[in-house]
Amino acid sequence: MSQKLVTKKNRKVRQLREHHPHIRCKVFYQRDYLHLLVKYGLEEPNAEADPPAPTRIPGPPDVVDLGRRADAS
């Protein structure tokens, strides 16, 4: 997908969130869609394509306190 179209999509989602903060939405990009097709067996993995992106580890994100220094215990 061209960067111009991705930028346009992100702008639309940002505007949606500004005008309707109670609505939750998830943006799916072309690579996400293609990974889902392979995951659920609707399409064979393309060996000629780039290697698959690393998967995200499930679970809550780690919270890091950047205000505290590691050396000041």
PDB file of N, CA and C in Angstrom:
ATOM      1  N   MET A   1       0.861  -1.170   0.000  1.00  0.00           N
ATOM      2  CA  MET A   1       0.000   0.000   0.000  1.00  0.00           C
ATOM      3  C   MET A   1       0.902   1.225   0.000  1.00  0.00           C
ATOM      4  N   SER A   2       0.572   2.199  -0.804  1.00  0.00           N
ATOM      5  CA  SER A   2       1.424   3.377  -0.894  1.00  0.00           C
ATOM      6  C   SER A   2       1.317   4.219   0.379  1.00  0.00           C
ATOM      7  N   GLN A   3       2.400   4.916   0.682  1.00  0.00           N
ATOM      8  CA  GLN A   3       2.445   5.712   1.908  1.00  0.00           C
ATOM      9  C   GLN A   3       1.371   6.791   1.905  1.00  0.00           C
ATOM     10  N   LYS A   4       1.066   7.320   0.735  1.00  0.00           N
ATOM     11  CA  LYS A   4       0.033   8.360   0.630  1.00  0.00           C
ATOM     12  C   LYS A   4      -1.318   7.842   1.126  1.00  0.00           C
ATOM     13  N   LEU A   5      -1.645   6.610   0.761  1.00  0.00           N
ATOM     14  CA  LEU A   5      -2.924   6.030   1.175  1.00  0.00           C
ATOM     15  C   LEU A   5      -2.924   5.676   2.659  1.00  0.00           C
ATOM     16  N   VAL A   6      -1.786   5.220   3.171  1.00  0.00           N
ATOM     17  CA  VAL A   6      -1.693   4.903   4.595  1.00  0.00           C
ATOM     18  C   VAL A   6      -1.849   6.173   5.419  1.00  0.00           C
ATOM     19  N   THR A   7      -1.221   7.265   4.984  1.00  0.00           N
ATOM     20  CA  THR A   7      -1.337   8.538   5.686  1.00  0.00           C
ATOM     21  C   THR A   7      -2.780   9.011   5.690  1.00  0.00           C
ATOM     22  N   LYS A   8      -3.457   8.852   4.575  1.00  0.00           N
ATOM     23  CA  LYS A   8      -4.860   9.254   4.472  1.00  0.00           C
ATOM     24  C   LYS A   8      -5.733   8.429   5.415  1.00  0.00           C
ATOM     25  N   LYS A   9      -5.461   7.120   5.480  1.00  0.00           N
ATOM     26  CA  LYS A   9      -6.215   6.236   6.367  1.00  0.00           C
ATOM     27  C   LYS A   9      -5.995   6.620   7.829  1.00  0.00           C
ATOM     28  N   ASN A  10      -4.741   6.881   8.205  1.00  0.00           N
ATOM     29  CA  ASN A  10      -4.444   7.261   9.584  1.00  0.00           C
ATOM     30  C   ASN A  10      -5.107   8.584   9.953  1.00  0.00           C
ATOM     31  N   ARG A  11      -5.153   9.529   9.016  1.00  0.00           N
ATOM     32  CA  ARG A  11      -5.796  10.814   9.273  1.00  0.00           C
ATOM     33  C   ARG A  11      -7.292  10.622   9.517  1.00  0.00           C
ATOM     34  N   LYS A  12      -7.928   9.769   8.732  1.00  0.00           N
ATOM     35  CA  LYS A  12      -9.360   9.509   8.912  1.00  0.00           C
ATOM     36  C   LYS A  12      -9.644   8.891  10.278  1.00  0.00           C
ATOM     37  N   VAL A  13      -8.805   7.972  10.700  1.00  0.00           N
ATOM     38  CA  VAL A  13      -9.002   7.336  12.004  1.00  0.00           C
ATOM     39  C   VAL A  13      -8.771   8.345  13.123  1.00  0.00           C
ATOM     40  N   ARG A  14      -7.764   9.196  12.976  1.00  0.00           N
ATOM     41  CA  ARG A  14      -7.504  10.219  13.992  1.00  0.00           C
ATOM     42  C   ARG A  14      -8.689  11.171  14.119  1.00  0.00           C
ATOM     43  N   GLN A  15      -9.262  11.578  12.988  1.00  0.00           N
ATOM     44  CA  GLN A  15     -10.422  12.466  13.009  1.00  0.00           C
ATOM     45  C   GLN A  15     -11.630  11.768  13.630  1.00  0.00           C
ATOM     46  N   LEU A  16     -11.819  10.502  13.337  1.00  0.00           N
ATOM     47  CA  LEU A  16     -12.910   9.742  13.944  1.00  0.00           C
ATOM     48  C   LEU A  16     -12.768   9.716  15.460  1.00  0.00           C
ATOM     49  N   ARG A  17     -11.553   9.470  15.940  1.00  0.00           N
ATOM     50  CA  ARG A  17     -11.317   9.408  17.383  1.00  0.00           C
ATOM     51  C   ARG A  17     -11.508  10.769  18.036  1.00  0.00           C
ATOM     52  N   GLU A  18     -11.176  11.862  17.335  1.00  0.00           N
ATOM     53  CA  GLU A  18     -11.364  13.199  17.890  1.00  0.00           C
ATOM     54  C   GLU A  18     -12.852  13.551  17.998  1.00  0.00           C
ATOM     55  N   HIS A  19     -13.626  13.213  16.988  1.00  0.00           N
ATOM     56  CA  HIS A  19     -15.045  13.573  16.962  1.00  0.00           C
ATOM     57  C   HIS A  19     -15.923  12.609  17.763  1.00  0.00           C
ATOM     58  N   HIS A  20     -15.502  11.361  17.845  1.00  0.00           N
ATOM     59  CA  HIS A  20     -16.285  10.333  18.539  1.00  0.00           C
ATOM     60  C   HIS A  20     -15.351   9.522  19.446  1.00  0.00           C
ATOM     61  N   PRO A  21     -14.933  10.083  20.576  1.00  0.00           N
ATOM     62  CA  PRO A  21     -13.972   9.377  21.431  1.00  0.00           C
ATOM     63  C   PRO A  21     -14.512   8.087  22.046  1.00  0.00           C
ATOM     64  N   HIS A  22     -15.822   7.920  22.084  1.00  0.00           N
ATOM     65  CA  HIS A  22     -16.407   6.711  22.659  1.00  0.00           C
ATOM     66  C   HIS A  22     -16.357   5.529  21.698  1.00  0.00           C
ATOM     67  N   ILE A  23     -16.070   5.768  20.440  1.00  0.00           N
ATOM     68  CA  ILE A  23     -15.999   4.694  19.443  1.00  0.00           C
ATOM     69  C   ILE A  23     -14.568   4.165  19.380  1.00  0.00           C
ATOM     70  N   ARG A  24     -14.433   2.853  19.542  1.00  0.00           N
ATOM     71  CA  ARG A  24     -13.120   2.230  19.445  1.00  0.00           C
ATOM     72  C   ARG A  24     -12.983   1.610  18.069  1.00  0.00           C
ATOM     73  N   CYS A  25     -11.836   1.806  17.454  1.00  0.00           N
ATOM     74  CA  CYS A  25     -11.614   1.217  16.133  1.00  0.00           C
ATOM     75  C   CYS A  25     -10.191   0.700  16.042  1.00  0.00           C
ATOM     76  N   LYS A  26      -9.998  -0.262  15.204  1.00  0.00           N
ATOM     77  CA  LYS A  26      -8.692  -0.875  14.981  1.00  0.00           C
ATOM     78  C   LYS A  26      -8.363  -0.722  13.504  1.00  0.00           C
ATOM     79  N   VAL A  27      -7.169  -0.255  13.213  1.00  0.00           N
ATOM     80  CA  VAL A  27      -6.743  -0.055  11.835  1.00  0.00           C
ATOM     81  C   VAL A  27      -6.024  -1.312  11.374  1.00  0.00           C
ATOM     82  N   PHE A  28      -6.471  -1.860  10.257  1.00  0.00           N
ATOM     83  CA  PHE A  28      -5.805  -2.999   9.654  1.00  0.00           C
ATOM     84  C   PHE A  28      -5.143  -2.538   8.368  1.00  0.00           C
ATOM     85  N   TYR A  29      -3.865  -2.811   8.282  1.00  0.00           N
ATOM     86  CA  TYR A  29      -3.114  -2.470   7.087  1.00  0.00           C
ATOM     87  C   TYR A  29      -3.044  -3.703   6.190  1.00  0.00           C
ATOM     88  N   GLN A  30      -2.558  -3.536   4.995  1.00  0.00           N
ATOM     89  CA  GLN A  30      -2.517  -4.635   4.035  1.00  0.00           C
ATOM     90  C   GLN A  30      -1.714  -5.811   4.567  1.00  0.00           C
ATOM     91  N   ARG A  31      -0.581  -5.547   5.211  1.00  0.00           N
ATOM     92  CA  ARG A  31       0.247  -6.645   5.722  1.00  0.00           C
ATOM     93  C   ARG A  31      -0.491  -7.411   6.819  1.00  0.00           C
ATOM     94  N   ASP A  32      -1.289  -6.698   7.644  1.00  0.00           N
ATOM     95  CA  ASP A  32      -2.074  -7.373   8.678  1.00  0.00           C
ATOM     96  C   ASP A  32      -3.094  -8.310   8.050  1.00  0.00           C
ATOM     97  N   TYR A  33      -3.761  -7.823   7.022  1.00  0.00           N
ATOM     98  CA  TYR A  33      -4.764  -8.616   6.313  1.00  0.00           C
ATOM     99  C   TYR A  33      -4.124  -9.864   5.698  1.00  0.00           C
ATOM    100  N   LEU A  34      -2.979  -9.697   5.058  1.00  0.00           N
ATOM    101  CA  LEU A  34      -2.307 -10.841   4.432  1.00  0.00           C
ATOM    102  C   LEU A  34      -1.833 -11.848   5.477  1.00  0.00           C
ATOM    103  N   HIS A  35      -1.370 -11.374   6.634  1.00  0.00           N
ATOM    104  CA  HIS A  35      -0.960 -12.289   7.692  1.00  0.00           C
ATOM    105  C   HIS A  35      -2.153 -13.078   8.235  1.00  0.00           C
ATOM    106  N   LEU A  36      -3.321 -12.444   8.314  1.00  0.00           N
ATOM    107  CA  LEU A  36      -4.519 -13.158   8.766  1.00  0.00           C
ATOM    108  C   LEU A  36      -4.937 -14.232   7.762  1.00  0.00           C
ATOM    109  N   LEU A  37      -4.806 -13.928   6.470  1.00  0.00           N
ATOM    110  CA  LEU A  37      -5.139 -14.932   5.453  1.00  0.00           C
ATOM    111  C   LEU A  37      -4.264 -16.169   5.599  1.00  0.00           C
ATOM    112  N   VAL A  38      -2.987 -15.964   5.839  1.00  0.00           N
ATOM    113  CA  VAL A  38      -2.067 -17.090   6.002  1.00  0.00           C
ATOM    114  C   VAL A  38      -2.361 -17.814   7.313  1.00  0.00           C
ATOM    115  N   LYS A  39      -2.610 -17.057   8.380  1.00  0.00           N
ATOM    116  CA  LYS A  39      -2.845 -17.649   9.699  1.00  0.00           C
ATOM    117  C   LYS A  39      -4.033 -18.594   9.696  1.00  0.00           C
ATOM    118  N   TYR A  40      -5.112 -18.216   9.004  1.00  0.00           N
ATOM    119  CA  TYR A  40      -6.325 -19.023   9.000  1.00  0.00           C
ATOM    120  C   TYR A  40      -6.438 -19.932   7.782  1.00  0.00           C
ATOM    121  N   GLY A  41      -5.344 -20.098   7.054  1.00  0.00           N
ATOM    122  CA  GLY A  41      -5.293 -21.064   5.972  1.00  0.00           C
ATOM    123  C   GLY A  41      -6.067 -20.691   4.728  1.00  0.00           C
ATOM    124  N   LEU A  42      -6.389 -19.429   4.550  1.00  0.00           N
ATOM    125  CA  LEU A  42      -7.118 -19.008   3.359  1.00  0.00           C
ATOM    126  C   LEU A  42      -6.188 -18.731   2.189  1.00  0.00           C
ATOM    127  N   GLU A  43      -4.899 -18.648   2.484  1.00  0.00           N
ATOM    128  CA  GLU A  43      -3.910 -18.408   1.442  1.00  0.00           C
ATOM    129  C   GLU A  43      -2.588 -19.008   1.887  1.00  0.00           C
ATOM    130  N   GLU A  44      -1.831 -19.520   0.933  1.00  0.00           N
ATOM    131  CA  GLU A  44      -0.527 -20.094   1.232  1.00  0.00           C
ATOM    132  C   GLU A  44       0.477 -18.977   1.479  1.00  0.00           C
ATOM    133  N   PRO A  45       1.436 -19.204   2.374  1.00  0.00           N
ATOM    134  CA  PRO A  45       2.461 -18.186   2.595  1.00  0.00           C
ATOM    135  C   PRO A  45       3.278 -17.977   1.329  1.00  0.00           C
ATOM    136  N   ASN A  46       3.617 -16.752   1.059  1.00  0.00           N
ATOM    137  CA  ASN A  46       4.379 -16.406  -0.127  1.00  0.00           C
ATOM    138  C   ASN A  46       5.862 -16.460   0.229  1.00  0.00           C
ATOM    139  N   ALA A  47       6.581 -17.453  -0.305  1.00  0.00           N
ATOM    140  CA  ALA A  47       7.998 -17.624   0.012  1.00  0.00           C
ATOM    141  C   ALA A  47       8.849 -16.515  -0.586  1.00  0.00           C
ATOM    142  N   GLU A  48       8.370 -15.882  -1.646  1.00  0.00           N
ATOM    143  CA  GLU A  48       9.145 -14.838  -2.307  1.00  0.00           C
ATOM    144  C   GLU A  48       9.013 -13.496  -1.605  1.00  0.00           C
ATOM    145  N   ALA A  49       8.034 -13.363  -0.736  1.00  0.00           N
ATOM    146  CA  ALA A  49       7.806 -12.094  -0.045  1.00  0.00           C
ATOM    147  C   ALA A  49       8.836 -11.904   1.059  1.00  0.00           C
ATOM    148  N   ASP A  50       8.787 -10.751   1.659  1.00  0.00           N
ATOM    149  CA  ASP A  50       9.676 -10.452   2.773  1.00  0.00           C
ATOM    150  C   ASP A  50       9.418 -11.438   3.902  1.00  0.00           C
ATOM    151  N   PRO A  51      10.415 -11.646   4.762  1.00  0.00           N
ATOM    152  CA  PRO A  51      10.165 -12.530   5.904  1.00  0.00           C
ATOM    153  C   PRO A  51       9.058 -11.961   6.781  1.00  0.00           C
ATOM    154  N   PRO A  52       8.325 -12.826   7.457  1.00  0.00           N
ATOM    155  CA  PRO A  52       7.200 -12.336   8.262  1.00  0.00           C
ATOM    156  C   PRO A  52       7.673 -11.396   9.360  1.00  0.00           C
ATOM    157  N   ALA A  53       6.832 -10.436   9.642  1.00  0.00           N
ATOM    158  CA  ALA A  53       7.141  -9.492  10.715  1.00  0.00           C
ATOM    159  C   ALA A  53       7.096 -10.222  12.047  1.00  0.00           C
ATOM    160  N   PRO A  54       7.894  -9.776  13.001  1.00  0.00           N
ATOM    161  CA  PRO A  54       7.858 -10.450  14.310  1.00  0.00           C
ATOM    162  C   PRO A  54       6.488 -10.292  14.947  1.00  0.00           C
ATOM    163  N   THR A  55       6.050 -11.343  15.601  1.00  0.00           N
ATOM    164  CA  THR A  55       4.738 -11.305  16.233  1.00  0.00           C
ATOM    165  C   THR A  55       4.841 -10.588  17.567  1.00  0.00           C
ATOM    166  N   ARG A  56       3.756 -10.028  17.990  1.00  0.00           N
ATOM    167  CA  ARG A  56       3.726  -9.344  19.269  1.00  0.00           C
ATOM    168  C   ARG A  56       3.494 -10.349  20.379  1.00  0.00           C
ATOM    169  N   ILE A  57       4.121 -10.120  21.487  1.00  0.00           N
ATOM    170  CA  ILE A  57       3.938 -10.988  22.642  1.00  0.00           C
ATOM    171  C   ILE A  57       2.650 -10.564  23.332  1.00  0.00           C
ATOM    172  N   PRO A  58       1.705 -11.486  23.547  1.00  0.00           N
ATOM    173  CA  PRO A  58       0.447 -11.095  24.174  1.00  0.00           C
ATOM    174  C   PRO A  58       0.658 -10.676  25.622  1.00  0.00           C
ATOM    175  N   GLY A  59      -0.198  -9.810  26.080  1.00  0.00           N
ATOM    176  CA  GLY A  59      -0.133  -9.362  27.455  1.00  0.00           C
ATOM    177  C   GLY A  59      -0.061  -7.853  27.525  1.00  0.00           C
ATOM    178  N   PRO A  60      -0.168  -7.332  28.725  1.00  0.00           N
ATOM    179  CA  PRO A  60      -0.142  -5.875  28.870  1.00  0.00           C
ATOM    180  C   PRO A  60       1.256  -5.334  28.594  1.00  0.00           C
ATOM    181  N   PRO A  61       1.339  -4.093  28.153  1.00  0.00           N
ATOM    182  CA  PRO A  61       2.652  -3.504  27.900  1.00  0.00           C
ATOM    183  C   PRO A  61       3.390  -3.239  29.211  1.00  0.00           C
ATOM    184  N   ASP A  62       4.703  -3.260  29.152  1.00  0.00           N
ATOM    185  CA  ASP A  62       5.503  -2.950  30.333  1.00  0.00           C
ATOM    186  C   ASP A  62       5.486  -1.449  30.560  1.00  0.00           C
ATOM    187  N   VAL A  63       5.284  -1.050  31.799  1.00  0.00           N
ATOM    188  CA  VAL A  63       5.268   0.360  32.153  1.00  0.00           C
ATOM    189  C   VAL A  63       6.650   0.706  32.705  1.00  0.00           C
ATOM    190  N   VAL A  64       7.259   1.707  32.099  1.00  0.00           N
ATOM    191  CA  VAL A  64       8.597   2.112  32.496  1.00  0.00           C
ATOM    192  C   VAL A  64       8.534   3.535  33.014  1.00  0.00           C
ATOM    193  N   ASP A  65       9.071   3.762  34.189  1.00  0.00           N
ATOM    194  CA  ASP A  65       9.120   5.098  34.770  1.00  0.00           C
ATOM    195  C   ASP A  65      10.409   5.762  34.298  1.00  0.00           C
ATOM    196  N   LEU A  66      10.292   6.664  33.338  1.00  0.00           N
ATOM    197  CA  LEU A  66      11.461   7.323  32.778  1.00  0.00           C
ATOM    198  C   LEU A  66      11.971   8.445  33.674  1.00  0.00           C
ATOM    199  N   GLY A  67      11.179   8.839  34.664  1.00  0.00           N
ATOM    200  CA  GLY A  67      11.588   9.907  35.564  1.00  0.00           C
ATOM    201  C   GLY A  67      12.610   9.436  36.592  1.00  0.00           C
ATOM    202  N   ARG A  68      12.671   8.159  36.863  1.00  0.00           N
ATOM    203  CA  ARG A  68      13.610   7.607  37.840  1.00  0.00           C
ATOM    204  C   ARG A  68      14.845   7.105  37.157  1.00  0.00           C
ATOM    205  N   ARG A  69      15.986   7.399  37.708  1.00  0.00           N
ATOM    206  CA  ARG A  69      17.237   6.902  37.139  1.00  0.00           C
ATOM    207  C   ARG A  69      17.570   5.545  37.739  1.00  0.00           C
ATOM    208  N   ALA A  70      18.183   4.705  36.965  1.00  0.00           N
ATOM    209  CA  ALA A  70      18.539   3.364  37.428  1.00  0.00           C
ATOM    210  C   ALA A  70      19.629   3.417  38.482  1.00  0.00           C
ATOM    211  N   ASP A  71      20.559   4.384  38.408  1.00  0.00           N
ATOM    212  CA  ASP A  71      21.674   4.434  39.342  1.00  0.00           C
ATOM    213  C   ASP A  71      21.281   5.069  40.675  1.00  0.00           C
ATOM    214  N   ALA A  72      20.143   5.779  40.756  1.00  0.00           N
ATOM    215  CA  ALA A  72      19.697   6.393  42.005  1.00  0.00           C
ATOM    216  C   ALA A  72      18.720   5.471  42.701  1.00  0.00           C
ATOM    217  N   SER A  73      19.232   4.526  43.465  1.00  0.00           N
ATOM    218  CA  SER A  73      18.379   3.545  44.134  1.00  0.00           C
ATOM    219  C   SER A  73      17.866   4.019  45.445  1.00  0.00           C
TER     220      SER A  73
END
